[in-house]
PDB file of all heavy atoms in Angstrom:
ATOM      1  N   LYS A   1      -1.581  -1.408  -9.220  1.00  0.00           N
ATOM      2  CA  LYS A   1      -0.491  -2.145  -9.850  1.00  0.00           C
ATOM      3  C   LYS A   1       0.859  -1.447  -9.629  1.00  0.00           C
ATOM      4  O   LYS A   1       1.927  -2.126  -9.397  1.00  0.00           O
ATOM      5  CB  LYS A   1      -0.815  -2.331 -11.367  1.00  0.00           C
ATOM      6  CG  LYS A   1       0.088  -3.243 -12.096  1.00  0.00           C
ATOM      7  CD  LYS A   1      -0.336  -3.434 -13.485  1.00  0.00           C
ATOM      8  CE  LYS A   1       0.568  -4.426 -14.223  1.00  0.00           C
ATOM      9  NZ  LYS A   1       0.083  -4.668 -15.613  1.00  0.00           N
ATOM     10  N   VAL A   2       0.834  -0.210  -9.757  1.00  0.00           N
ATOM     11  CA  VAL A   2       2.113   0.618  -9.579  1.00  0.00           C
ATOM     12  C   VAL A   2       2.660   0.368  -8.112  1.00  0.00           C
ATOM     13  O   VAL A   2       3.736   0.176  -7.908  1.00  0.00           O
ATOM     14  CB  VAL A   2       1.881   2.086  -9.918  1.00  0.00           C
ATOM     15  CG1 VAL A   2       3.221   2.849  -9.667  1.00  0.00           C
ATOM     16  CG2 VAL A   2       1.460   2.293 -11.340  1.00  0.00           C
ATOM     17  N   ILE A   3       1.734   0.500  -7.162  1.00  0.00           N
ATOM     18  CA  ILE A   3       2.081   0.399  -5.765  1.00  0.00           C
ATOM     19  C   ILE A   3       2.679  -1.001  -5.507  1.00  0.00           C
ATOM     20  O   ILE A   3       3.750  -1.091  -4.849  1.00  0.00           O
ATOM     21  CB  ILE A   3       0.877   0.681  -4.827  1.00  0.00           C
ATOM     22  CG1 ILE A   3       0.415   2.124  -4.953  1.00  0.00           C
ATOM     23  CG2 ILE A   3       1.221   0.326  -3.397  1.00  0.00           C
ATOM     24  CD1 ILE A   3      -0.911   2.352  -4.185  1.00  0.00           C
ATOM     25  N   ARG A   4       1.970  -2.041  -5.978  1.00  0.00           N
ATOM     26  CA  ARG A   4       2.478  -3.368  -5.820  1.00  0.00           C
ATOM     27  C   ARG A   4       3.863  -3.580  -6.482  1.00  0.00           C
ATOM     28  O   ARG A   4       4.732  -4.160  -5.840  1.00  0.00           O
ATOM     29  CB  ARG A   4       1.544  -4.425  -6.466  1.00  0.00           C
ATOM     30  CG  ARG A   4       1.916  -5.878  -6.191  1.00  0.00           C
ATOM     31  CD  ARG A   4       0.957  -6.837  -6.738  1.00  0.00           C
ATOM     32  NE  ARG A   4       0.824  -6.826  -8.152  1.00  0.00           N
ATOM     33  CZ  ARG A   4      -0.274  -6.502  -8.862  1.00  0.00           C
ATOM     34  NH1 ARG A   4      -1.306  -6.043  -8.177  1.00  0.00           N
ATOM     35  NH2 ARG A   4      -0.323  -6.474 -10.123  1.00  0.00           N
ATOM     36  N   GLN A   5       4.125  -3.004  -7.733  1.00  0.00           N
ATOM     37  CA  GLN A   5       5.347  -3.268  -8.358  1.00  0.00           C
ATOM     38  C   GLN A   5       6.430  -2.581  -7.512  1.00  0.00           C
ATOM     39  O   GLN A   5       7.472  -3.236  -7.282  1.00  0.00           O
ATOM     40  CB  GLN A   5       5.318  -2.582  -9.734  1.00  0.00           C
ATOM     41  CG  GLN A   5       6.602  -2.705 -10.479  1.00  0.00           C
ATOM     42  CD  GLN A   5       6.647  -1.847 -11.773  1.00  0.00           C
ATOM     43  OE1 GLN A   5       5.585  -1.607 -12.311  1.00  0.00           O
ATOM     44  NE2 GLN A   5       7.788  -1.517 -12.276  1.00  0.00           N
ATOM     45  N   TYR A   6       6.275  -1.331  -7.154  1.00  0.00           N
ATOM     46  CA  TYR A   6       7.333  -0.633  -6.458  1.00  0.00           C
ATOM     47  C   TYR A   6       7.578  -1.142  -5.074  1.00  0.00           C
ATOM     48  O   TYR A   6       8.739  -1.092  -4.540  1.00  0.00           O
ATOM     49  CB  TYR A   6       7.050   0.844  -6.447  1.00  0.00           C
ATOM     50  CG  TYR A   6       7.544   1.443  -7.786  1.00  0.00           C
ATOM     51  CD1 TYR A   6       6.669   1.561  -8.816  1.00  0.00           C
ATOM     52  CD2 TYR A   6       8.797   2.049  -7.942  1.00  0.00           C
ATOM     53  CE1 TYR A   6       7.079   2.142 -10.080  1.00  0.00           C
ATOM     54  CE2 TYR A   6       9.196   2.577  -9.168  1.00  0.00           C
ATOM     55  CZ  TYR A   6       8.300   2.560 -10.248  1.00  0.00           C
ATOM     56  OH  TYR A   6       8.731   3.196 -11.403  1.00  0.00           O
ATOM     57  N   ARG A   7       6.571  -1.651  -4.418  1.00  0.00           N
ATOM     58  CA  ARG A   7       6.690  -2.189  -3.073  1.00  0.00           C
ATOM     59  C   ARG A   7       7.542  -3.466  -3.203  1.00  0.00           C
ATOM     60  O   ARG A   7       8.462  -3.737  -2.399  1.00  0.00           O
ATOM     61  CB  ARG A   7       5.307  -2.597  -2.516  1.00  0.00           C
ATOM     62  CG  ARG A   7       5.399  -3.378  -1.174  1.00  0.00           C
ATOM     63  CD  ARG A   7       4.066  -3.618  -0.549  1.00  0.00           C
ATOM     64  NE  ARG A   7       3.273  -4.451  -1.353  1.00  0.00           N
ATOM     65  CZ  ARG A   7       3.341  -5.742  -1.415  1.00  0.00           C
ATOM     66  NH1 ARG A   7       4.465  -6.404  -0.666  1.00  0.00           N
ATOM     67  NH2 ARG A   7       2.656  -6.549  -2.166  1.00  0.00           N
ATOM     68  N   LYS A   8       7.325  -4.301  -4.170  1.00  0.00           N
ATOM     69  CA  LYS A   8       8.149  -5.460  -4.351  1.00  0.00           C
ATOM     70  C   LYS A   8       9.490  -5.211  -4.746  1.00  0.00           C
ATOM     71  O   LYS A   8      10.504  -5.829  -4.268  1.00  0.00           O
ATOM     72  CB  LYS A   8       7.489  -6.355  -5.437  1.00  0.00           C
ATOM     73  CG  LYS A   8       6.204  -7.112  -4.952  1.00  0.00           C
ATOM     74  CD  LYS A   8       5.685  -8.079  -5.956  1.00  0.00           C
ATOM     75  CE  LYS A   8       4.487  -8.883  -5.478  1.00  0.00           C
ATOM     76  NZ  LYS A   8       4.079  -9.895  -6.443  1.00  0.00           N
ATOM     77  N   GLN A   9       9.752  -4.124  -5.498  1.00  0.00           N
ATOM     78  CA  GLN A   9      11.085  -3.794  -5.884  1.00  0.00           C
ATOM     79  C   GLN A   9      11.849  -3.307  -4.652  1.00  0.00           C
ATOM     80  O   GLN A   9      13.053  -3.498  -4.618  1.00  0.00           O
ATOM     81  CB  GLN A   9      11.023  -2.681  -6.912  1.00  0.00           C
ATOM     82  CG  GLN A   9      10.642  -3.101  -8.336  1.00  0.00           C
ATOM     83  CD  GLN A   9      10.572  -2.018  -9.412  1.00  0.00           C
ATOM     84  OE1 GLN A   9      11.019  -0.875  -9.084  1.00  0.00           O
ATOM     85  NE2 GLN A   9      10.115  -2.264 -10.577  1.00  0.00           N
ATOM     86  N   GLN A  10      11.228  -2.706  -3.668  1.00  0.00           N
ATOM     87  CA  GLN A  10      11.850  -2.226  -2.449  1.00  0.00           C
ATOM     88  C   GLN A  10      11.911  -3.304  -1.426  1.00  0.00           C
ATOM     89  O   GLN A  10      12.371  -3.057  -0.313  1.00  0.00           O
ATOM     90  CB  GLN A  10      11.155  -1.005  -1.960  1.00  0.00           C
ATOM     91  CG  GLN A  10      11.188   0.211  -2.931  1.00  0.00           C
ATOM     92  CD  GLN A  10      12.581   0.599  -3.314  1.00  0.00           C
ATOM     93  OE1 GLN A  10      13.518   0.602  -2.522  1.00  0.00           O
ATOM     94  NE2 GLN A  10      12.775   1.001  -4.664  1.00  0.00           N
ATOM     95  N   ASN A  11      11.367  -4.484  -1.781  1.00  0.00           N
ATOM     96  CA  ASN A  11      11.273  -5.541  -0.766  1.00  0.00           C
ATOM     97  C   ASN A  11      10.553  -5.237   0.503  1.00  0.00           C
ATOM     98  O   ASN A  11      10.991  -5.477   1.702  1.00  0.00           O
ATOM     99  CB  ASN A  11      12.604  -6.113  -0.435  1.00  0.00           C
ATOM    100  CG  ASN A  11      13.297  -6.742  -1.626  1.00  0.00           C
ATOM    101  OD1 ASN A  11      12.685  -7.651  -2.253  1.00  0.00           O
ATOM    102  ND2 ASN A  11      14.577  -6.496  -1.894  1.00  0.00           N
ATOM    103  N   LEU A  12       9.430  -4.512   0.391  1.00  0.00           N
ATOM    104  CA  LEU A  12       8.574  -4.059   1.491  1.00  0.00           C
ATOM    105  C   LEU A  12       7.360  -4.903   1.573  1.00  0.00           C
ATOM    106  O   LEU A  12       6.822  -5.358   0.541  1.00  0.00           O
ATOM    107  CB  LEU A  12       8.282  -2.595   1.412  1.00  0.00           C
ATOM    108  CG  LEU A  12       9.429  -1.554   1.378  1.00  0.00           C
ATOM    109  CD1 LEU A  12       8.900  -0.200   1.021  1.00  0.00           C
ATOM    110  CD2 LEU A  12      10.070  -1.487   2.824  1.00  0.00           C
ATOM    111  N   THR A  13       6.861  -5.145   2.745  1.00  0.00           N
ATOM    112  CA  THR A  13       5.589  -5.826   2.914  1.00  0.00           C
ATOM    113  C   THR A  13       4.463  -4.794   2.968  1.00  0.00           C
ATOM    114  O   THR A  13       4.687  -3.589   3.170  1.00  0.00           O
ATOM    115  CB  THR A  13       5.519  -6.636   4.213  1.00  0.00           C
ATOM    116  OG1 THR A  13       5.665  -5.688   5.375  1.00  0.00           O
ATOM    117  CG2 THR A  13       6.689  -7.628   4.251  1.00  0.00           C
ATOM    118  N   GLN A  14       3.207  -5.229   2.819  1.00  0.00           N
ATOM    119  CA  GLN A  14       2.096  -4.315   2.913  1.00  0.00           C
ATOM    120  C   GLN A  14       1.982  -3.728   4.265  1.00  0.00           C
ATOM    121  O   GLN A  14       1.646  -2.602   4.408  1.00  0.00           O
ATOM    122  CB  GLN A  14       0.787  -5.012   2.536  1.00  0.00           C
ATOM    123  CG  GLN A  14       0.689  -5.528   1.101  1.00  0.00           C
ATOM    124  CD  GLN A  14      -0.597  -6.184   0.752  1.00  0.00           C
ATOM    125  OE1 GLN A  14      -1.328  -6.719   1.703  1.00  0.00           O
ATOM    126  NE2 GLN A  14      -0.871  -6.316  -0.509  1.00  0.00           N
ATOM    127  N   GLU A  15       2.319  -4.543   5.348  1.00  0.00           N
ATOM    128  CA  GLU A  15       2.301  -4.046   6.650  1.00  0.00           C
ATOM    129  C   GLU A  15       3.354  -2.958   6.930  1.00  0.00           C
ATOM    130  O   GLU A  15       3.089  -1.995   7.616  1.00  0.00           O
ATOM    131  CB  GLU A  15       2.602  -5.225   7.655  1.00  0.00           C
ATOM    132  CG  GLU A  15       2.441  -4.812   9.097  1.00  0.00           C
ATOM    133  CD  GLU A  15       2.546  -6.060  10.046  1.00  0.00           C
ATOM    134  OE1 GLU A  15       2.755  -7.154   9.514  1.00  0.00           O
ATOM    135  OE2 GLU A  15       2.379  -5.856  11.272  1.00  0.00           O
ATOM    136  N   GLN A  16       4.518  -3.128   6.324  1.00  0.00           N
ATOM    137  CA  GLN A  16       5.529  -2.006   6.440  1.00  0.00           C
ATOM    138  C   GLN A  16       5.043  -0.731   5.828  1.00  0.00           C
ATOM    139  O   GLN A  16       5.323   0.377   6.398  1.00  0.00           O
ATOM    140  CB  GLN A  16       6.848  -2.442   5.853  1.00  0.00           C
ATOM    141  CG  GLN A  16       7.539  -3.520   6.631  1.00  0.00           C
ATOM    142  CD  GLN A  16       8.767  -4.003   5.897  1.00  0.00           C
ATOM    143  OE1 GLN A  16       8.686  -4.376   4.701  1.00  0.00           O
ATOM    144  NE2 GLN A  16       9.886  -4.174   6.622  1.00  0.00           N
ATOM    145  N   ILE A  17       4.459  -0.820   4.637  1.00  0.00           N
ATOM    146  CA  ILE A  17       3.879   0.359   4.018  1.00  0.00           C
ATOM    147  C   ILE A  17       2.797   0.930   4.956  1.00  0.00           C
ATOM    148  O   ILE A  17       2.727   2.218   5.129  1.00  0.00           O
ATOM    149  CB  ILE A  17       3.262   0.003   2.652  1.00  0.00           C
ATOM    150  CG1 ILE A  17       4.314  -0.524   1.717  1.00  0.00           C
ATOM    151  CG2 ILE A  17       2.552   1.247   2.007  1.00  0.00           C
ATOM    152  CD1 ILE A  17       5.278   0.512   1.139  1.00  0.00           C
ATOM    153  N   ALA A  18       1.932   0.118   5.420  1.00  0.00           N
ATOM    154  CA  ALA A  18       0.808   0.614   6.252  1.00  0.00           C
ATOM    155  C   ALA A  18       1.363   1.388   7.534  1.00  0.00           C
ATOM    156  O   ALA A  18       0.849   2.423   7.911  1.00  0.00           O
ATOM    157  CB  ALA A  18       0.032  -0.565   6.727  1.00  0.00           C
ATOM    158  N   ASN A  19       2.389   0.780   8.147  1.00  0.00           N
ATOM    159  CA  ASN A  19       2.955   1.420   9.414  1.00  0.00           C
ATOM    160  C   ASN A  19       3.553   2.731   9.072  1.00  0.00           C
ATOM    161  O   ASN A  19       3.455   3.741   9.862  1.00  0.00           O
ATOM    162  CB  ASN A  19       4.047   0.444   9.941  1.00  0.00           C
ATOM    163  CG  ASN A  19       3.345  -0.810  10.625  1.00  0.00           C
ATOM    164  OD1 ASN A  19       2.187  -0.860  10.948  1.00  0.00           O
ATOM    165  ND2 ASN A  19       4.149  -1.817  10.792  1.00  0.00           N
ATOM    166  N   TYR A  20       4.199   2.812   7.857  1.00  0.00           N
ATOM    167  CA  TYR A  20       4.788   4.076   7.580  1.00  0.00           C
ATOM    168  C   TYR A  20       3.902   5.175   7.351  1.00  0.00           C
ATOM    169  O   TYR A  20       3.982   6.388   7.676  1.00  0.00           O
ATOM    170  CB  TYR A  20       5.674   3.852   6.277  1.00  0.00           C
ATOM    171  CG  TYR A  20       6.414   5.120   5.785  1.00  0.00           C
ATOM    172  CD1 TYR A  20       7.602   5.511   6.290  1.00  0.00           C
ATOM    173  CD2 TYR A  20       5.826   5.826   4.719  1.00  0.00           C
ATOM    174  CE1 TYR A  20       8.268   6.653   5.845  1.00  0.00           C
ATOM    175  CE2 TYR A  20       6.443   7.018   4.245  1.00  0.00           C
ATOM    176  CZ  TYR A  20       7.727   7.398   4.771  1.00  0.00           C
ATOM    177  OH  TYR A  20       8.367   8.499   4.328  1.00  0.00           O
ATOM    178  N   LEU A  21       2.677   4.840   6.757  1.00  0.00           N
ATOM    179  CA  LEU A  21       1.676   5.761   6.345  1.00  0.00           C
ATOM    180  C   LEU A  21       0.605   5.988   7.443  1.00  0.00           C
ATOM    181  O   LEU A  21      -0.248   6.883   7.350  1.00  0.00           O
ATOM    182  CB  LEU A  21       0.955   5.342   5.027  1.00  0.00           C
ATOM    183  CG  LEU A  21       1.815   5.283   3.792  1.00  0.00           C
ATOM    184  CD1 LEU A  21       1.080   4.730   2.673  1.00  0.00           C
ATOM    185  CD2 LEU A  21       2.390   6.612   3.433  1.00  0.00           C
ATOM    186  N   GLY A  22       0.675   5.103   8.468  1.00  0.00           N
ATOM    187  CA  GLY A  22      -0.407   5.196   9.546  1.00  0.00           C
ATOM    188  C   GLY A  22      -1.742   4.753   9.170  1.00  0.00           C
ATOM    189  O   GLY A  22      -2.803   5.213   9.617  1.00  0.00           O
ATOM    190  N   VAL A  23      -1.726   3.704   8.278  1.00  0.00           N
ATOM    191  CA  VAL A  23      -2.965   3.078   7.888  1.00  0.00           C
ATOM    192  C   VAL A  23      -2.954   1.621   8.199  1.00  0.00           C
ATOM    193  O   VAL A  23      -1.848   1.109   8.719  1.00  0.00           O
ATOM    194  CB  VAL A  23      -3.319   3.280   6.371  1.00  0.00           C
ATOM    195  CG1 VAL A  23      -3.422   4.788   6.062  1.00  0.00           C
ATOM    196  CG2 VAL A  23      -2.183   2.641   5.543  1.00  0.00           C
ATOM    197  N   SER A  24      -3.965   0.880   7.869  1.00  0.00           N
ATOM    198  CA  SER A  24      -3.993  -0.586   8.158  1.00  0.00           C
ATOM    199  C   SER A  24      -3.415  -1.376   6.960  1.00  0.00           C
ATOM    200  O   SER A  24      -3.507  -0.864   5.836  1.00  0.00           O
ATOM    201  CB  SER A  24      -5.358  -1.092   8.469  1.00  0.00           C
ATOM    202  OG  SER A  24      -6.230  -0.962   7.365  1.00  0.00           O
ATOM    203  N   ALA A  25      -2.965  -2.545   7.189  1.00  0.00           N
ATOM    204  CA  ALA A  25      -2.356  -3.407   6.135  1.00  0.00           C
ATOM    205  C   ALA A  25      -3.496  -3.754   5.182  1.00  0.00           C
ATOM    206  O   ALA A  25      -3.250  -3.791   3.926  1.00  0.00           O
ATOM    207  CB  ALA A  25      -1.719  -4.675   6.751  1.00  0.00           C
ATOM    208  N   PRO A  26      -4.702  -4.045   5.673  1.00  0.00           N
ATOM    209  CA  PRO A  26      -5.868  -4.409   4.717  1.00  0.00           C
ATOM    210  C   PRO A  26      -6.109  -3.191   3.762  1.00  0.00           C
ATOM    211  O   PRO A  26      -6.481  -3.425   2.672  1.00  0.00           O
ATOM    212  CB  PRO A  26      -6.974  -4.615   5.655  1.00  0.00           C
ATOM    213  CG  PRO A  26      -6.368  -5.214   6.864  1.00  0.00           C
ATOM    214  CD  PRO A  26      -5.154  -4.369   7.061  1.00  0.00           C
ATOM    215  N   ALA A  27      -5.883  -1.994   4.260  1.00  0.00           N
ATOM    216  CA  ALA A  27      -6.111  -0.772   3.400  1.00  0.00           C
ATOM    217  C   ALA A  27      -5.081  -0.848   2.168  1.00  0.00           C
ATOM    218  O   ALA A  27      -5.493  -0.542   1.095  1.00  0.00           O
ATOM    219  CB  ALA A  27      -5.950   0.474   4.179  1.00  0.00           C
ATOM    220  N   VAL A  28      -3.865  -1.178   2.540  1.00  0.00           N
ATOM    221  CA  VAL A  28      -2.839  -1.216   1.467  1.00  0.00           C
ATOM    222  C   VAL A  28      -3.200  -2.313   0.470  1.00  0.00           C
ATOM    223  O   VAL A  28      -3.023  -2.199  -0.670  1.00  0.00           O
ATOM    224  CB  VAL A  28      -1.391  -1.453   2.058  1.00  0.00           C
ATOM    225  CG1 VAL A  28      -0.385  -1.647   0.942  1.00  0.00           C
ATOM    226  CG2 VAL A  28      -1.039  -0.270   3.012  1.00  0.00           C
ATOM    227  N   ASN A  29      -3.699  -3.505   1.066  1.00  0.00           N
ATOM    228  CA  ASN A  29      -4.142  -4.579   0.218  1.00  0.00           C
ATOM    229  C   ASN A  29      -5.223  -4.253  -0.745  1.00  0.00           C
ATOM    230  O   ASN A  29      -5.245  -4.561  -1.913  1.00  0.00           O
ATOM    231  CB  ASN A  29      -4.492  -5.754   1.113  1.00  0.00           C
ATOM    232  CG  ASN A  29      -4.905  -6.992   0.258  1.00  0.00           C
ATOM    233  OD1 ASN A  29      -6.067  -7.201  -0.026  1.00  0.00           O
ATOM    234  ND2 ASN A  29      -3.956  -7.795  -0.047  1.00  0.00           N
ATOM    235  N   LYS A  30      -6.120  -3.402  -0.241  1.00  0.00           N
ATOM    236  CA  LYS A  30      -7.216  -2.923  -1.071  1.00  0.00           C
ATOM    237  C   LYS A  30      -6.766  -1.986  -2.230  1.00  0.00           C
ATOM    238  O   LYS A  30      -7.185  -2.049  -3.377  1.00  0.00           O
ATOM    239  CB  LYS A  30      -8.287  -2.198  -0.235  1.00  0.00           C
ATOM    240  CG  LYS A  30      -9.162  -3.091   0.616  1.00  0.00           C
ATOM    241  CD  LYS A  30     -10.187  -2.360   1.394  1.00  0.00           C
ATOM    242  CE  LYS A  30     -10.990  -3.256   2.293  1.00  0.00           C
ATOM    243  NZ  LYS A  30     -12.011  -2.508   3.080  1.00  0.00           N
ATOM    244  N   TRP A  31      -5.738  -1.139  -1.887  1.00  0.00           N
ATOM    245  CA  TRP A  31      -5.196  -0.318  -2.912  1.00  0.00           C
ATOM    246  C   TRP A  31      -4.624  -1.147  -4.027  1.00  0.00           C
ATOM    247  O   TRP A  31      -4.804  -0.894  -5.220  1.00  0.00           O
ATOM    248  CB  TRP A  31      -4.010   0.567  -2.359  1.00  0.00           C
ATOM    249  CG  TRP A  31      -4.500   1.533  -1.290  1.00  0.00           C
ATOM    250  CD1 TRP A  31      -5.728   1.922  -0.988  1.00  0.00           C
ATOM    251  CD2 TRP A  31      -3.670   2.261  -0.372  1.00  0.00           C
ATOM    252  NE1 TRP A  31      -5.762   2.810   0.105  1.00  0.00           N
ATOM    253  CE2 TRP A  31      -4.424   3.021   0.488  1.00  0.00           C
ATOM    254  CE3 TRP A  31      -2.298   2.206  -0.196  1.00  0.00           C
ATOM    255  CZ2 TRP A  31      -3.915   3.774   1.468  1.00  0.00           C
ATOM    256  CZ3 TRP A  31      -1.694   3.002   0.856  1.00  0.00           C
ATOM    257  CH2 TRP A  31      -2.548   3.855   1.673  1.00  0.00           C
ATOM    258  N   GLU A  32      -3.800  -2.169  -3.695  1.00  0.00           N
ATOM    259  CA  GLU A  32      -3.150  -2.960  -4.658  1.00  0.00           C
ATOM    260  C   GLU A  32      -4.035  -3.740  -5.453  1.00  0.00           C
ATOM    261  O   GLU A  32      -3.714  -4.212  -6.629  1.00  0.00           O
ATOM    262  CB  GLU A  32      -2.118  -3.845  -3.983  1.00  0.00           C
ATOM    263  CG  GLU A  32      -0.895  -3.084  -3.352  1.00  0.00           C
ATOM    264  CD  GLU A  32       0.179  -3.974  -2.911  1.00  0.00           C
ATOM    265  OE1 GLU A  32       0.099  -5.213  -3.109  1.00  0.00           O
ATOM    266  OE2 GLU A  32       1.198  -3.399  -2.373  1.00  0.00           O
ATOM    267  N   ASN A  33      -5.198  -4.067  -4.974  1.00  0.00           N
ATOM    268  CA  ASN A  33      -6.217  -4.859  -5.764  1.00  0.00           C
ATOM    269  C   ASN A  33      -7.282  -3.967  -6.332  1.00  0.00           C
ATOM    270  O   ASN A  33      -8.319  -4.498  -6.849  1.00  0.00           O
ATOM    271  CB  ASN A  33      -6.875  -5.815  -4.840  1.00  0.00           C
ATOM    272  CG  ASN A  33      -5.953  -7.017  -4.462  1.00  0.00           C
ATOM    273  OD1 ASN A  33      -5.565  -7.809  -5.292  1.00  0.00           O
ATOM    274  ND2 ASN A  33      -5.488  -7.066  -3.168  1.00  0.00           N
ATOM    275  N   ASP A  34      -7.006  -2.627  -6.327  1.00  0.00           N
ATOM    276  CA  ASP A  34      -7.924  -1.633  -6.915  1.00  0.00           C
ATOM    277  C   ASP A  34      -9.380  -1.725  -6.332  1.00  0.00           C
ATOM    278  O   ASP A  34     -10.339  -1.424  -7.075  1.00  0.00           O
ATOM    279  CB  ASP A  34      -7.961  -1.849  -8.409  1.00  0.00           C
ATOM    280  CG  ASP A  34      -6.680  -1.620  -9.144  1.00  0.00           C
ATOM    281  OD1 ASP A  34      -6.032  -0.593  -8.710  1.00  0.00           O
ATOM    282  OD2 ASP A  34      -6.350  -2.298 -10.149  1.00  0.00           O
ATOM    283  N   ASN A  35      -9.392  -2.109  -5.132  1.00  0.00           N
ATOM    284  CA  ASN A  35     -10.710  -2.049  -4.469  1.00  0.00           C
ATOM    285  C   ASN A  35     -11.002  -0.675  -3.809  1.00  0.00           C
ATOM    286  O   ASN A  35     -12.172  -0.282  -3.420  1.00  0.00           O
ATOM    287  CB  ASN A  35     -10.866  -3.105  -3.395  1.00  0.00           C
ATOM    288  CG  ASN A  35     -10.861  -4.443  -3.982  1.00  0.00           C
ATOM    289  OD1 ASN A  35     -11.405  -4.724  -5.012  1.00  0.00           O
ATOM    290  ND2 ASN A  35     -10.185  -5.505  -3.338  1.00  0.00           N
ATOM    291  N   SER A  36      -9.890   0.115  -3.603  1.00  0.00           N
ATOM    292  CA  SER A  36     -10.015   1.452  -3.140  1.00  0.00           C
ATOM    293  C   SER A  36      -8.738   2.216  -3.484  1.00  0.00           C
ATOM    294  O   SER A  36      -7.783   1.576  -3.983  1.00  0.00           O
ATOM    295  CB  SER A  36     -10.275   1.520  -1.557  1.00  0.00           C
ATOM    296  OG  SER A  36      -9.068   0.963  -0.904  1.00  0.00           O
ATOM    297  N   TYR A  37      -8.623   3.451  -3.203  1.00  0.00           N
ATOM    298  CA  TYR A  37      -7.499   4.312  -3.570  1.00  0.00           C
ATOM    299  C   TYR A  37      -6.938   5.023  -2.272  1.00  0.00           C
ATOM    300  O   TYR A  37      -7.696   5.339  -1.436  1.00  0.00           O
ATOM    301  CB  TYR A  37      -7.801   5.296  -4.613  1.00  0.00           C
ATOM    302  CG  TYR A  37      -8.353   4.618  -5.907  1.00  0.00           C
ATOM    303  CD1 TYR A  37      -9.659   4.618  -6.275  1.00  0.00           C
ATOM    304  CD2 TYR A  37      -7.434   4.120  -6.865  1.00  0.00           C
ATOM    305  CE1 TYR A  37     -10.135   4.068  -7.443  1.00  0.00           C
ATOM    306  CE2 TYR A  37      -7.868   3.530  -7.996  1.00  0.00           C
ATOM    307  CZ  TYR A  37      -9.185   3.509  -8.282  1.00  0.00           C
ATOM    308  OH  TYR A  37      -9.612   2.815  -9.496  1.00  0.00           O
ATOM    309  N   PRO A  38      -5.687   5.221  -2.287  1.00  0.00           N
ATOM    310  CA  PRO A  38      -5.173   6.025  -1.082  1.00  0.00           C
ATOM    311  C   PRO A  38      -5.645   7.464  -1.155  1.00  0.00           C
ATOM    312  O   PRO A  38      -5.806   8.017  -2.304  1.00  0.00           O
ATOM    313  CB  PRO A  38      -3.603   5.923  -1.318  1.00  0.00           C
ATOM    314  CG  PRO A  38      -3.402   5.644  -2.763  1.00  0.00           C
ATOM    315  CD  PRO A  38      -4.673   4.845  -3.208  1.00  0.00           C
ATOM    316  N   ASP A  39      -5.786   8.045   0.023  1.00  0.00           N
ATOM    317  CA  ASP A  39      -6.158   9.470   0.077  1.00  0.00           C
ATOM    318  C   ASP A  39      -5.019  10.354  -0.565  1.00  0.00           C
ATOM    319  O   ASP A  39      -3.827   9.971  -0.534  1.00  0.00           O
ATOM    320  CB  ASP A  39      -6.244   9.802   1.679  1.00  0.00           C
ATOM    321  CG  ASP A  39      -6.837  11.197   1.722  1.00  0.00           C
ATOM    322  OD1 ASP A  39      -6.026  12.231   1.618  1.00  0.00           O
ATOM    323  OD2 ASP A  39      -8.041  11.407   1.954  1.00  0.00           O
ATOM    324  N   ILE A  40      -5.554  11.398  -1.200  1.00  0.00           N
ATOM    325  CA  ILE A  40      -4.616  12.259  -2.029  1.00  0.00           C
ATOM    326  C   ILE A  40      -3.422  12.781  -1.117  1.00  0.00           C
ATOM    327  O   ILE A  40      -2.279  12.945  -1.634  1.00  0.00           O
ATOM    328  CB  ILE A  40      -5.319  13.404  -2.705  1.00  0.00           C
ATOM    329  CG1 ILE A  40      -4.409  14.122  -3.689  1.00  0.00           C
ATOM    330  CG2 ILE A  40      -5.882  14.410  -1.608  1.00  0.00           C
ATOM    331  CD1 ILE A  40      -5.086  15.080  -4.558  1.00  0.00           C
ATOM    332  N   THR A  41      -3.707  12.951   0.232  1.00  0.00           N
ATOM    333  CA  THR A  41      -2.632  13.441   1.070  1.00  0.00           C
ATOM    334  C   THR A  41      -1.595  12.429   1.355  1.00  0.00           C
ATOM    335  O   THR A  41      -0.465  12.767   1.819  1.00  0.00           O
ATOM    336  CB  THR A  41      -3.248  13.956   2.441  1.00  0.00           C
ATOM    337  OG1 THR A  41      -3.863  12.778   3.069  1.00  0.00           O
ATOM    338  CG2 THR A  41      -4.231  15.056   2.247  1.00  0.00           C
ATOM    339  N   LEU A  42      -1.857  11.171   1.140  1.00  0.00           N
ATOM    340  CA  LEU A  42      -0.918  10.108   1.267  1.00  0.00           C
ATOM    341  C   LEU A  42       0.010   9.813   0.082  1.00  0.00           C
ATOM    342  O   LEU A  42       1.040   9.128   0.281  1.00  0.00           O
ATOM    343  CB  LEU A  42      -1.664   8.818   1.676  1.00  0.00           C
ATOM    344  CG  LEU A  42      -2.527   8.710   2.936  1.00  0.00           C
ATOM    345  CD1 LEU A  42      -3.252   7.400   3.073  1.00  0.00           C
ATOM    346  CD2 LEU A  42      -1.604   8.966   4.162  1.00  0.00           C
TER     347      LEU A  42
END
């Protein structure tokens, strides 16, 4: 929920977040829906 809130505040898409971190857009989507969590190094 925190990731989704701040991403929207910065007007970023899930794909932009994914490209910046070197992960897939579906991975970011899973984070935001609490289906998985980002690696601690990220």
